[in-house]
N, C-alpha and C. Protein backbone atom coordinates (compact mmCIF):
# COMPACT_ATOMS: atom_id res chain seq x y z
N MET A 1 -4.44 0.38 20.14
CA MET A 1 -4.82 1.57 18.75
C MET A 1 -4.61 1.47 17.94
N GLN A 2 -2.45 2.07 17.73
CA GLN A 2 -1.68 1.83 16.43
C GLN A 2 -1.65 0.07 15.64
N LYS A 3 -1.71 -0.87 16.65
CA LYS A 3 -2.06 -1.97 15.68
C LYS A 3 -2.84 -1.92 14.59
N ALA A 4 -4.46 -1.69 15.43
CA ALA A 4 -6.01 -1.18 14.86
C ALA A 4 -5.93 -0.57 13.49
N VAL A 5 -5.15 0.31 13.86
CA VAL A 5 -4.40 0.88 12.32
C VAL A 5 -3.83 0.51 11.20
N LYS A 6 -2.93 0.41 11.94
CA LYS A 6 -2.01 -0.78 11.04
C LYS A 6 -2.60 -1.51 10.60
N GLN A 7 -3.67 -1.94 11.39
CA GLN A 7 -3.88 -3.79 10.67
C GLN A 7 -5.40 -3.39 9.24
N ALA A 8 -6.25 -2.63 9.99
CA ALA A 8 -7.27 -1.64 8.83
C ALA A 8 -5.88 -1.08 7.44
N ASP A 9 -4.78 -0.72 7.65
CA ASP A 9 -4.57 -0.31 6.69
C ASP A 9 -3.89 -1.18 5.91
N LEU A 10 -3.62 -2.10 5.91
CA LEU A 10 -2.98 -3.72 5.53
C LEU A 10 -4.26 -4.02 4.39
N GLU A 11 -5.56 -4.32 5.75
CA GLU A 11 -6.68 -4.66 5.26
C GLU A 11 -7.21 -4.06 4.10
N THR A 12 -7.23 -2.56 4.14
CA THR A 12 -7.42 -1.65 2.69
C THR A 12 -6.12 -2.24 1.56
N LEU A 13 -5.23 -2.23 1.85
CA LEU A 13 -3.77 -2.29 0.62
C LEU A 13 -4.28 -3.81 -0.09
N GLU A 14 -4.92 -4.62 1.11
CA GLU A 14 -5.12 -6.35 0.42
C GLU A 14 -6.01 -6.24 -0.73
N LEU A 15 -7.35 -5.31 0.24
CA LEU A 15 -8.40 -5.16 -1.02
C LEU A 15 -8.22 -4.54 -2.40
N ALA A 16 -6.83 -3.29 -2.09
CA ALA A 16 -6.71 -2.83 -2.89
C ALA A 16 -6.12 -3.41 -4.52
N ALA A 17 -5.45 -4.55 -4.42
CA ALA A 17 -4.92 -5.63 -4.74
C ALA A 17 -5.69 -6.70 -5.26
N GLN A 18 -6.08 -6.60 -4.53
CA GLN A 18 -7.71 -7.55 -4.98
C GLN A 18 -8.59 -7.26 -6.25
N GLU A 19 -8.46 -5.90 -5.97
CA GLU A 19 -9.48 -5.47 -6.84
C GLU A 19 -8.32 -4.62 -8.41
N GLY A 20 -7.32 -4.55 -8.51
CA GLY A 20 -5.93 -4.54 -9.50
C GLY A 20 -5.60 -3.29 -8.55
N TRP A 21 -5.84 -2.80 -8.26
CA TRP A 21 -5.44 -0.73 -8.10
C TRP A 21 -4.16 -1.33 -8.17
N VAL A 22 -3.57 -1.37 -6.88
CA VAL A 22 -2.24 -1.44 -6.53
C VAL A 22 -1.19 -3.33 -6.56
N ASN A 23 -0.03 -3.18 -7.28
CA ASN A 23 0.15 -4.29 -6.89
C ASN A 23 1.37 -3.77 -5.01
N LEU A 24 0.59 -5.16 -4.78
CA LEU A 24 1.15 -4.91 -3.01
C LEU A 24 2.25 -5.96 -3.13
N LYS A 25 3.36 -5.37 -2.04
CA LYS A 25 4.63 -5.98 -2.10
C LYS A 25 5.07 -6.29 -0.56
N TYR A 26 5.10 -6.98 0.08
CA TYR A 26 6.07 -6.41 1.32
C TYR A 26 6.90 -6.79 2.00
N LEU A 27 7.41 -5.58 2.40
CA LEU A 27 9.29 -5.60 2.80
C LEU A 27 9.19 -5.63 3.80
N ASP A 28 10.68 -6.04 3.92
CA ASP A 28 10.95 -6.20 5.25
C ASP A 28 12.58 -6.11 4.98
N GLU A 29 12.59 -6.00 6.72
CA GLU A 29 14.36 -6.17 6.84
C GLU A 29 15.13 -6.20 7.73
N ALA A 30 16.10 -6.76 8.39
CA ALA A 30 16.76 -8.18 9.27
C ALA A 30 18.20 -7.52 9.42
N GLU A 31 19.01 -6.91 10.24
CA GLU A 31 19.70 -6.53 10.68
C GLU A 31 20.80 -8.11 11.38
N VAL A 32 21.78 -8.21 10.88
CA VAL A 32 23.25 -9.29 11.07
C VAL A 32 24.14 -8.73 12.04
N CYS A 33 25.00 -9.18 13.08
CA CYS A 33 26.10 -8.52 13.45
C CYS A 33 26.86 -9.27 12.60
N LEU A 34 27.96 -8.82 11.99
CA LEU A 34 29.43 -10.15 11.56
C LEU A 34 30.35 -10.39 12.41
N ARG A 35 30.38 -9.83 13.51
CA ARG A 35 31.08 -10.54 14.53
C ARG A 35 30.37 -10.68 16.12
N SER A 36 30.74 -11.45 16.94
CA SER A 36 30.03 -12.32 18.26
C SER A 36 30.15 -10.41 18.98
N PRO A 37 29.52 -9.35 19.46
CA PRO A 37 29.86 -8.85 20.98
C PRO A 37 30.59 -9.66 21.97
N VAL A 38 29.96 -10.62 22.14
CA VAL A 38 30.61 -11.23 23.42
C VAL A 38 31.45 -12.38 23.26
N SER A 39 32.63 -12.09 23.50
CA SER A 39 33.48 -13.33 23.72
C SER A 39 33.66 -14.06 24.56
N TYR A 40 33.21 -15.71 24.28
CA TYR A 40 33.23 -17.10 25.13
C TYR A 40 34.55 -18.31 24.42
N SER A 41 34.84 -19.30 25.29
CA SER A 41 35.58 -19.80 25.26
C SER A 41 35.47 -21.62 25.86
N TYR A 42 35.50 -22.26 25.83
CA TYR A 42 35.33 -23.56 26.30
C TYR A 42 36.46 -23.93 26.94
N ILE A 43 36.99 -24.37 28.33
CA ILE A 43 38.42 -24.29 28.78
C ILE A 43 38.23 -25.90 29.74
N LEU A 44 39.36 -26.31 30.08
CA LEU A 44 39.32 -27.70 30.62
C LEU A 44 39.53 -26.88 32.33
N ILE A 45 38.89 -28.39 33.06
CA ILE A 45 38.82 -27.46 34.33
C ILE A 45 40.48 -27.50 35.30
N GLY A 46 40.91 -25.95 35.40
CA GLY A 46 41.72 -26.17 36.19
C GLY A 46 42.63 -25.73 35.12
N GLU A 47 42.20 -25.27 33.81
CA GLU A 47 43.20 -24.80 33.38
C GLU A 47 42.79 -23.09 33.16
N GLN A 48 43.76 -22.30 32.88
CA GLN A 48 43.65 -20.58 33.00
C GLN A 48 43.58 -20.01 31.70
N ASN A 49 42.11 -19.26 31.45
CA ASN A 49 41.81 -18.88 30.43
C ASN A 49 41.42 -17.66 30.25
N ARG A 50 42.20 -17.28 29.27
CA ARG A 50 42.50 -15.70 28.44
C ARG A 50 41.90 -15.13 27.68
N LEU A 51 40.99 -13.82 27.72
CA LEU A 51 39.97 -13.34 26.52
C LEU A 51 40.86 -12.16 26.61
N GLU A 52 41.73 -12.22 25.40
CA GLU A 52 41.77 -11.10 24.89
C GLU A 52 40.59 -9.55 24.94
N GLN A 53 40.43 -8.50 24.68
CA GLN A 53 39.60 -7.69 24.54
C GLN A 53 39.89 -7.08 23.61
N THR A 54 38.36 -6.67 22.57
CA THR A 54 38.55 -6.24 20.83
C THR A 54 37.91 -5.10 21.23
N PRO A 55 38.51 -4.18 20.22
CA PRO A 55 38.10 -2.66 20.66
C PRO A 55 36.57 -2.81 20.21
N GLN A 56 35.19 -1.67 20.55
CA GLN A 56 33.77 -1.64 20.19
C GLN A 56 33.90 -1.51 18.52
N ARG A 57 33.25 -2.29 17.72
CA ARG A 57 33.22 -2.07 16.30
C ARG A 57 31.67 -0.97 16.10
N TYR A 58 31.89 -0.09 15.79
CA TYR A 58 30.21 0.19 15.59
C TYR A 58 30.10 -0.25 13.74
N GLY A 59 29.14 -0.05 13.36
CA GLY A 59 28.59 0.25 12.15
C GLY A 59 29.36 -1.19 11.84
N SER A 60 29.15 -1.98 12.01
CA SER A 60 29.96 -3.58 11.36
C SER A 60 28.32 -4.44 11.28
N ARG A 61 27.72 -3.55 10.77
CA ARG A 61 26.28 -5.11 10.30
C ARG A 61 25.62 -4.64 9.57
N THR A 62 25.45 -5.63 9.47
CA THR A 62 25.05 -6.45 7.82
C THR A 62 23.04 -6.18 7.10
N SER A 63 22.61 -5.27 7.06
CA SER A 63 21.54 -5.40 6.34
C SER A 63 20.83 -6.00 4.99
N ILE A 64 19.90 -7.37 5.80
CA ILE A 64 19.47 -7.91 4.71
C ILE A 64 18.45 -7.32 4.71
N LEU A 65 17.81 -7.07 3.54
CA LEU A 65 16.30 -6.81 2.78
C LEU A 65 15.98 -7.24 1.54
N GLY A 66 14.48 -8.05 2.01
CA GLY A 66 14.00 -8.48 1.20
C GLY A 66 12.21 -7.57 0.75
N MET A 67 11.87 -8.38 -0.55
CA MET A 67 10.75 -7.42 -1.14
C MET A 67 9.93 -9.26 -1.79
N TRP A 68 8.19 -9.02 -0.93
CA TRP A 68 7.81 -10.63 -1.75
C TRP A 68 7.00 -10.21 -2.27
N GLN A 69 6.53 -9.96 -3.37
CA GLN A 69 5.32 -10.11 -3.46
C GLN A 69 4.89 -11.55 -4.67
N PRO A 70 3.35 -11.21 -3.52
CA PRO A 70 2.44 -12.66 -3.86
C PRO A 70 2.65 -13.18 -5.37
N ALA A 71 2.10 -14.18 -5.44
CA ALA A 71 2.14 -14.79 -6.37
C ALA A 71 3.51 -14.38 -8.34
N GLN A 72 4.21 -13.30 -7.47
CA GLN A 72 5.39 -12.74 -8.54
C GLN A 72 6.58 -13.24 -8.16
N GLY A 73 7.02 -13.00 -6.84
CA GLY A 73 8.50 -13.82 -6.49
C GLY A 73 8.69 -12.96 -5.29
N PHE A 74 10.12 -13.44 -4.92
CA PHE A 74 11.16 -12.92 -3.72
C PHE A 74 12.07 -12.15 -4.45
N GLU A 75 12.38 -11.02 -4.02
CA GLU A 75 14.07 -10.21 -4.03
C GLU A 75 15.22 -10.06 -2.90
N CYS A 76 16.10 -9.72 -2.73
CA CYS A 76 16.29 -9.33 -1.88
C CYS A 76 18.40 -8.89 -1.95
N ALA A 77 18.49 -8.22 -1.15
CA ALA A 77 19.40 -7.00 -1.34
C ALA A 77 20.54 -7.21 0.01
N LEU A 78 22.07 -6.80 0.19
CA LEU A 78 22.67 -7.04 1.04
C LEU A 78 23.08 -5.57 1.14
N THR A 79 23.02 -5.18 2.63
CA THR A 79 24.38 -4.02 2.36
C THR A 79 24.70 -4.02 3.73
N HIS A 80 25.83 -2.95 4.11
CA HIS A 80 26.45 -2.41 5.03
C HIS A 80 25.88 -1.58 6.10
N TRP A 81 24.55 -0.98 6.15
CA TRP A 81 24.15 -0.11 6.77
C TRP A 81 22.24 0.16 6.20
N SER A 82 21.94 0.21 7.29
CA SER A 82 19.94 -0.39 6.68
C SER A 82 19.61 0.80 5.77
N ILE A 83 19.53 0.75 5.08
CA ILE A 83 18.38 1.37 4.08
C ILE A 83 16.85 1.37 4.06
N LEU A 84 16.40 0.35 4.79
CA LEU A 84 14.86 0.20 5.33
C LEU A 84 14.80 1.62 5.88
N ASP A 85 15.47 2.04 6.29
CA ASP A 85 15.23 3.16 7.80
C ASP A 85 14.83 5.26 6.43
N LEU A 86 15.77 4.27 5.57
CA LEU A 86 15.81 5.84 4.50
C LEU A 86 14.89 5.86 3.38
N ILE A 87 14.14 4.78 2.99
CA ILE A 87 13.12 4.35 2.35
C ILE A 87 11.46 4.69 2.27
N VAL A 88 11.77 3.41 3.87
CA VAL A 88 10.19 2.55 3.66
C VAL A 88 9.31 4.05 3.87
N SER A 89 9.47 4.88 4.32
CA SER A 89 8.78 6.36 5.38
C SER A 89 8.41 6.93 3.65
N SER A 90 9.10 7.34 3.16
CA SER A 90 8.91 7.72 2.31
C SER A 90 8.24 7.41 0.40
N TYR A 91 8.26 5.81 0.71
CA TYR A 91 7.47 4.47 -0.25
C TYR A 91 6.30 4.77 0.01
N LEU A 92 6.01 4.35 1.33
CA LEU A 92 4.76 4.07 2.47
C LEU A 92 3.55 5.38 1.87
N SER A 93 4.57 6.23 2.14
CA SER A 93 3.80 8.27 2.09
C SER A 93 3.87 7.61 0.38
N ASN A 94 4.13 7.69 -0.33
CA ASN A 94 3.80 7.69 -1.42
C ASN A 94 3.29 6.76 -2.22
N MET A 95 2.87 5.79 -1.51
CA MET A 95 1.96 4.65 -1.87
C MET A 95 0.38 4.93 -1.43
N LYS A 96 0.21 5.48 -0.22
CA LYS A 96 -0.41 5.48 0.84
C LYS A 96 -1.54 6.76 0.25
N ALA A 97 -0.53 7.62 -0.42
CA ALA A 97 -1.36 8.91 -1.20
C ALA A 97 -1.95 8.80 -2.45
N ASN A 98 -1.20 8.43 -3.31
CA ASN A 98 -1.84 7.56 -4.81
C ASN A 98 -2.78 5.98 -4.39
N LEU A 99 -2.70 5.46 -3.19
CA LEU A 99 -3.61 4.65 -3.18
C LEU A 99 -5.42 4.88 -2.65
N TYR A 100 -5.05 5.88 -2.17
CA TYR A 100 -6.79 7.64 -1.51
C TYR A 100 -6.79 8.12 -2.78
N LYS A 101 -5.63 8.74 -3.74
CA LYS A 101 -6.39 8.87 -5.20
C LYS A 101 -6.68 8.59 -5.89
N MET A 102 -6.69 6.98 -5.93
CA MET A 102 -7.60 6.07 -6.65
C MET A 102 -8.22 5.49 -5.97
N VAL A 103 -8.94 5.47 -4.72
CA VAL A 103 -10.10 4.53 -4.24
C VAL A 103 -11.05 6.33 -4.60
N GLN A 104 -10.81 7.80 -4.04
CA GLN A 104 -11.20 8.96 -4.80
C GLN A 104 -11.62 9.04 -6.18
N GLN A 105 -10.81 8.36 -6.57
CA GLN A 105 -11.35 8.15 -8.63
C GLN A 105 -12.55 7.36 -8.79
N GLN A 106 -12.36 6.31 -7.95
CA GLN A 106 -13.82 4.59 -8.31
C GLN A 106 -14.60 5.38 -8.00
N LEU A 107 -15.06 6.15 -6.58
CA LEU A 107 -16.16 6.87 -5.34
C LEU A 107 -16.39 7.70 -5.92
N SER A 108 -15.98 8.50 -7.63
CA SER A 108 -16.33 10.05 -7.24
C SER A 108 -16.78 9.74 -9.10
N GLY A 109 -16.32 8.24 -9.82
CA GLY A 109 -16.49 8.67 -11.83
C GLY A 109 -17.14 7.13 -11.67
C-alpha cells in the first residue's frame, strides 16, 4: 500500500515537472564504513594466525549525498554524519505543500 502511495506521489511530481510547475530533483544518500568491521587474513597451512582485536568505533561512517536533476546535472557531497535524515523530511514536506498549493491555484484559476 505504501509503495503505491509513493509511486502515485512520484507520478504527480513528474507530471508537475513536465508542466513546469516544479524543478524535480532526485536525492539519495549512501553510507560507507571507513574500516572493515571484520578482520580476516590468509595464512599458509600449518602456520599460526593471530588477529588483534580492535576497539569498536562508532560514528566512523561517511555519508555520500547525491542530487540529480534531469537535463541539469548531478551534485554530490561527503560528510562524516548522516545529513539526509535531517533534511529530507522537512524538504519533502515543504515541497509537497508547495506542489499542492500550485495545483489548487491552477485548478481554481
